[in-house]
Amino acid sequence: MKKSFKSFLLFSIIALIGGTIFSGCKKTIATTAKITVRDKNNVLVVDAKVKLYGAPSTVKPGYSTSISNFEAKTDSKGVASFNLDAISKSGQAGVAVLNIYSSAPRILLSADSIRGYGVIKIEAEKENTEKVFIE
């Protein structure tokens, strides 16, 4: 009986240490943005260009405000997807507020285009979504 109690105690200690180690390993979730583009008739727009960019702001000297521009085209569902892990850190409360610019040709083979604008608040380790209407 003493031997089985010692085995049980040893197993419990190992399980407790292992559980503590593995529960401390946090799996990070990607920080993404998905922009849905629709026209003035609320129809999804395929192959629209979507650009996310940061607006310059006044900050203290020595701090950087530059955020890379991100560009993508909408897919068959009218959604442009962006992975923003490059500008976010795990546990960060807020990442950025980015401007959205979207454009699509008014008519195929035309230089004229329709445009839309918006703003999206990016939060770390979330799928951030926004809609833009172009006209």
C-alpha atoms as a PDB file:
ATOM      1  CA  MET A   1       0.000   0.000   0.000  1.00  0.00           C
ATOM      2  CA  LYS A   2       2.873   2.374   0.763  1.00  0.00           C
ATOM      3  CA  LYS A   3       4.344   1.727  -2.667  1.00  0.00           C
ATOM      4  CA  SER A   4       1.047   2.509  -4.463  1.00  0.00           C
ATOM      5  CA  PHE A   5       0.629   5.727  -2.438  1.00  0.00           C
ATOM      6  CA  LYS A   6       4.163   6.829  -3.377  1.00  0.00           C
ATOM      7  CA  SER A   7       3.466   6.031  -7.026  1.00  0.00           C
ATOM      8  CA  PHE A   8       0.202   7.995  -6.864  1.00  0.00           C
ATOM      9  CA  LEU A   9       1.958  10.928  -5.177  1.00  0.00           C
ATOM     10  CA  LEU A  10       4.786  10.928  -7.745  1.00  0.00           C
ATOM     11  CA  PHE A  11       2.287  10.748 -10.625  1.00  0.00           C
ATOM     12  CA  SER A  12       0.262  13.635  -9.128  1.00  0.00           C
ATOM     13  CA  ILE A  13       3.344  15.841  -8.773  1.00  0.00           C
ATOM     14  CA  ILE A  14       4.427  15.147 -12.361  1.00  0.00           C
ATOM     15  CA  ALA A  15       0.909  15.844 -13.641  1.00  0.00           C
ATOM     16  CA  LEU A  16       0.745  19.102 -11.669  1.00  0.00           C
ATOM     17  CA  ILE A  17       4.112  20.306 -12.986  1.00  0.00           C
ATOM     18  CA  GLY A  18       3.254  19.289 -16.556  1.00  0.00           C
ATOM     19  CA  GLY A  19      -0.140  20.996 -16.368  1.00  0.00           C
ATOM     20  CA  THR A  20       1.455  24.192 -15.087  1.00  0.00           C
ATOM     21  CA  ILE A  21       4.042  24.230 -17.863  1.00  0.00           C
ATOM     22  CA  PHE A  22       1.561  23.560 -20.668  1.00  0.00           C
ATOM     23  CA  SER A  23      -1.081  25.979 -19.384  1.00  0.00           C
ATOM     24  CA  GLY A  24       1.552  28.729 -19.378  1.00  0.00           C
ATOM     25  CA  CYS A  25       2.152  28.314 -23.113  1.00  0.00           C
ATOM     26  CA  LYS A  26      -0.316  30.711 -24.676  1.00  0.00           C
ATOM     27  CA  LYS A  27      -1.162  30.125 -28.299  1.00  0.00           C
ATOM     28  CA  THR A  28      -1.316  33.452 -30.086  1.00  0.00           C
ATOM     29  CA  ILE A  29      -4.181  34.210 -32.416  1.00  0.00           C
ATOM     30  CA  ALA A  30      -3.562  36.097 -35.642  1.00  0.00           C
ATOM     31  CA  THR A  31      -4.494  39.770 -35.842  1.00  0.00           C
ATOM     32  CA  THR A  32      -6.475  40.119 -39.050  1.00  0.00           C
ATOM     33  CA  ALA A  33      -8.668  42.613 -40.839  1.00  0.00           C
ATOM     34  CA  LYS A  34     -11.427  41.704 -43.273  1.00  0.00           C
ATOM     35  CA  ILE A  35     -12.920  44.482 -45.355  1.00  0.00           C
ATOM     36  CA  THR A  36     -16.142  43.819 -47.247  1.00  0.00           C
ATOM     37  CA  VAL A  37     -16.701  46.080 -50.253  1.00  0.00           C
ATOM     38  CA  ARG A  38     -20.185  46.806 -51.607  1.00  0.00           C
ATOM     39  CA  ASP A  39     -21.447  49.201 -54.238  1.00  0.00           C
ATOM     40  CA  LYS A  40     -24.235  51.787 -53.812  1.00  0.00           C
ATOM     41  CA  ASN A  41     -26.808  49.035 -54.576  1.00  0.00           C
ATOM     42  CA  ASN A  42     -25.391  46.882 -51.733  1.00  0.00           C
ATOM     43  CA  VAL A  43     -23.912  44.389 -54.239  1.00  0.00           C
ATOM     44  CA  LEU A  44     -20.580  42.764 -53.324  1.00  0.00           C
ATOM     45  CA  VAL A  45     -17.676  44.072 -55.423  1.00  0.00           C
ATOM     46  CA  VAL A  46     -15.175  41.474 -56.669  1.00  0.00           C
ATOM     47  CA  ASP A  47     -11.549  42.459 -57.494  1.00  0.00           C
ATOM     48  CA  ALA A  48     -11.799  45.863 -55.830  1.00  0.00           C
ATOM     49  CA  LYS A  49      -8.493  47.278 -54.596  1.00  0.00           C
ATOM     50  CA  VAL A  50      -8.416  47.847 -50.847  1.00  0.00           C
ATOM     51  CA  LYS A  51      -5.696  49.737 -49.039  1.00  0.00           C
ATOM     52  CA  LEU A  52      -5.222  50.117 -45.270  1.00  0.00           C
ATOM     53  CA  TYR A  53      -2.980  52.937 -44.116  1.00  0.00           C
ATOM     54  CA  GLY A  54      -2.230  54.867 -40.965  1.00  0.00           C
ATOM     55  CA  ALA A  55      -2.912  58.572 -40.723  1.00  0.00           C
ATOM     56  CA  PRO A  56      -0.025  60.684 -39.479  1.00  0.00           C
ATOM     57  CA  SER A  57      -0.543  62.129 -36.033  1.00  0.00           C
ATOM     58  CA  THR A  58       1.358  64.414 -33.715  1.00  0.00           C
ATOM     59  CA  VAL A  59       3.376  62.454 -31.176  1.00  0.00           C
ATOM     60  CA  LYS A  60       6.209  63.049 -28.757  1.00  0.00           C
ATOM     61  CA  PRO A  61       9.686  63.264 -30.298  1.00  0.00           C
ATOM     62  CA  GLY A  62      11.373  59.893 -30.531  1.00  0.00           C
ATOM     63  CA  TYR A  63       8.152  57.928 -31.093  1.00  0.00           C
ATOM     64  CA  SER A  64       7.371  56.449 -34.472  1.00  0.00           C
ATOM     65  CA  THR A  65       3.919  56.672 -36.048  1.00  0.00           C
ATOM     66  CA  SER A  66       4.743  54.962 -39.319  1.00  0.00           C
ATOM     67  CA  ILE A  67       2.559  52.004 -40.154  1.00  0.00           C
ATOM     68  CA  SER A  68       3.140  50.160 -43.396  1.00  0.00           C
ATOM     69  CA  ASN A  69       0.470  50.337 -46.043  1.00  0.00           C
ATOM     70  CA  PHE A  70      -1.368  47.088 -46.622  1.00  0.00           C
ATOM     71  CA  GLU A  71      -2.987  46.344 -49.978  1.00  0.00           C
ATOM     72  CA  ALA A  72      -5.193  43.507 -51.209  1.00  0.00           C
ATOM     73  CA  LYS A  73      -7.973  42.772 -53.688  1.00  0.00           C
ATOM     74  CA  THR A  74     -11.417  41.515 -52.785  1.00  0.00           C
ATOM     75  CA  ASP A  75     -12.164  37.853 -53.416  1.00  0.00           C
ATOM     76  CA  SER A  76     -15.276  36.263 -54.938  1.00  0.00           C
ATOM     77  CA  LYS A  77     -17.202  37.158 -51.760  1.00  0.00           C
ATOM     78  CA  GLY A  78     -16.205  40.839 -51.920  1.00  0.00           C
ATOM     79  CA  VAL A  79     -13.799  40.515 -48.962  1.00  0.00           C
ATOM     80  CA  ALA A  80     -10.191  41.702 -48.785  1.00  0.00           C
ATOM     81  CA  SER A  81      -8.195  39.949 -46.043  1.00  0.00           C
ATOM     82  CA  PHE A  82      -5.132  41.300 -44.261  1.00  0.00           C
ATOM     83  CA  ASN A  83      -2.776  39.700 -41.722  1.00  0.00           C
ATOM     84  CA  LEU A  84      -1.643  42.463 -39.355  1.00  0.00           C
ATOM     85  CA  ASP A  85       0.607  40.459 -37.048  1.00  0.00           C
ATOM     86  CA  ALA A  86       3.509  42.690 -38.131  1.00  0.00           C
ATOM     87  CA  ILE A  87       2.007  45.677 -36.285  1.00  0.00           C
ATOM     88  CA  SER A  88       0.551  43.909 -33.238  1.00  0.00           C
ATOM     89  CA  LYS A  89       1.979  42.325 -30.118  1.00  0.00           C
ATOM     90  CA  SER A  90       0.438  39.659 -27.903  1.00  0.00           C
ATOM     91  CA  GLY A  91      -1.559  41.216 -25.066  1.00  0.00           C
ATOM     92  CA  GLN A  92      -1.640  44.652 -26.681  1.00  0.00           C
ATOM     93  CA  ALA A  93      -4.842  46.520 -25.776  1.00  0.00           C
ATOM     94  CA  GLY A  94      -5.189  48.413 -29.052  1.00  0.00           C
ATOM     95  CA  VAL A  95      -3.115  48.149 -32.189  1.00  0.00           C
ATOM     96  CA  ALA A  96      -4.138  50.946 -34.536  1.00  0.00           C
ATOM     97  CA  VAL A  97      -6.916  52.871 -36.172  1.00  0.00           C
ATOM     98  CA  LEU A  98      -6.401  52.590 -39.919  1.00  0.00           C
ATOM     99  CA  ASN A  99      -7.958  54.390 -42.852  1.00  0.00           C
ATOM    100  CA  ILE A 100      -9.524  52.318 -45.612  1.00  0.00           C
ATOM    101  CA  TYR A 101      -9.439  53.285 -49.275  1.00  0.00           C
ATOM    102  CA  SER A 102     -11.149  51.100 -51.863  1.00  0.00           C
ATOM    103  CA  SER A 103     -11.559  51.498 -55.601  1.00  0.00           C
ATOM    104  CA  ALA A 104     -12.857  49.543 -58.557  1.00  0.00           C
ATOM    105  CA  PRO A 105     -13.241  50.333 -62.262  1.00  0.00           C
ATOM    106  CA  ARG A 106     -16.638  51.841 -63.051  1.00  0.00           C
ATOM    107  CA  ILE A 107     -16.711  49.885 -66.298  1.00  0.00           C
ATOM    108  CA  LEU A 108     -14.229  47.296 -67.485  1.00  0.00           C
ATOM    109  CA  LEU A 109     -11.584  48.885 -69.733  1.00  0.00           C
ATOM    110  CA  SER A 110     -12.336  52.325 -68.293  1.00  0.00           C
ATOM    111  CA  ALA A 111      -9.815  54.577 -66.567  1.00  0.00           C
ATOM    112  CA  ASP A 112     -12.634  56.017 -64.475  1.00  0.00           C
ATOM    113  CA  SER A 113     -13.150  54.338 -61.096  1.00  0.00           C
ATOM    114  CA  ILE A 114     -15.530  54.361 -58.165  1.00  0.00           C
ATOM    115  CA  ARG A 115     -14.144  54.866 -54.670  1.00  0.00           C
ATOM    116  CA  GLY A 116     -15.019  54.356 -51.048  1.00  0.00           C
ATOM    117  CA  TYR A 117     -13.466  55.313 -47.740  1.00  0.00           C
ATOM    118  CA  GLY A 118     -13.722  54.113 -44.172  1.00  0.00           C
ATOM    119  CA  VAL A 119     -11.938  53.598 -40.876  1.00  0.00           C
ATOM    120  CA  ILE A 120     -11.239  50.397 -38.949  1.00  0.00           C
ATOM    121  CA  LYS A 121     -10.091  49.964 -35.356  1.00  0.00           C
ATOM    122  CA  ILE A 122      -7.608  47.088 -35.117  1.00  0.00           C
ATOM    123  CA  GLU A 123      -7.482  45.053 -31.914  1.00  0.00           C
ATOM    124  CA  ALA A 124      -4.763  42.475 -31.261  1.00  0.00           C
ATOM    125  CA  GLU A 125      -5.455  38.767 -31.695  1.00  0.00           C
ATOM    126  CA  LYS A 126      -8.894  39.323 -33.258  1.00  0.00           C
ATOM    127  CA  GLU A 127     -10.559  39.171 -36.628  1.00  0.00           C
ATOM    128  CA  ASN A 128     -11.433  42.832 -37.164  1.00  0.00           C
ATOM    129  CA  THR A 129     -14.148  43.507 -39.751  1.00  0.00           C
ATOM    130  CA  GLU A 130     -15.509  46.551 -41.536  1.00  0.00           C
ATOM    131  CA  LYS A 131     -17.695  47.367 -44.579  1.00  0.00           C
ATOM    132  CA  VAL A 132     -16.931  49.985 -47.212  1.00  0.00           C
ATOM    133  CA  PHE A 133     -19.412  51.262 -49.760  1.00  0.00           C
ATOM    134  CA  ILE A 134     -18.004  52.545 -53.052  1.00  0.00           C
ATOM    135  CA  GLU A 135     -19.752  54.812 -55.517  1.00  0.00           C
END
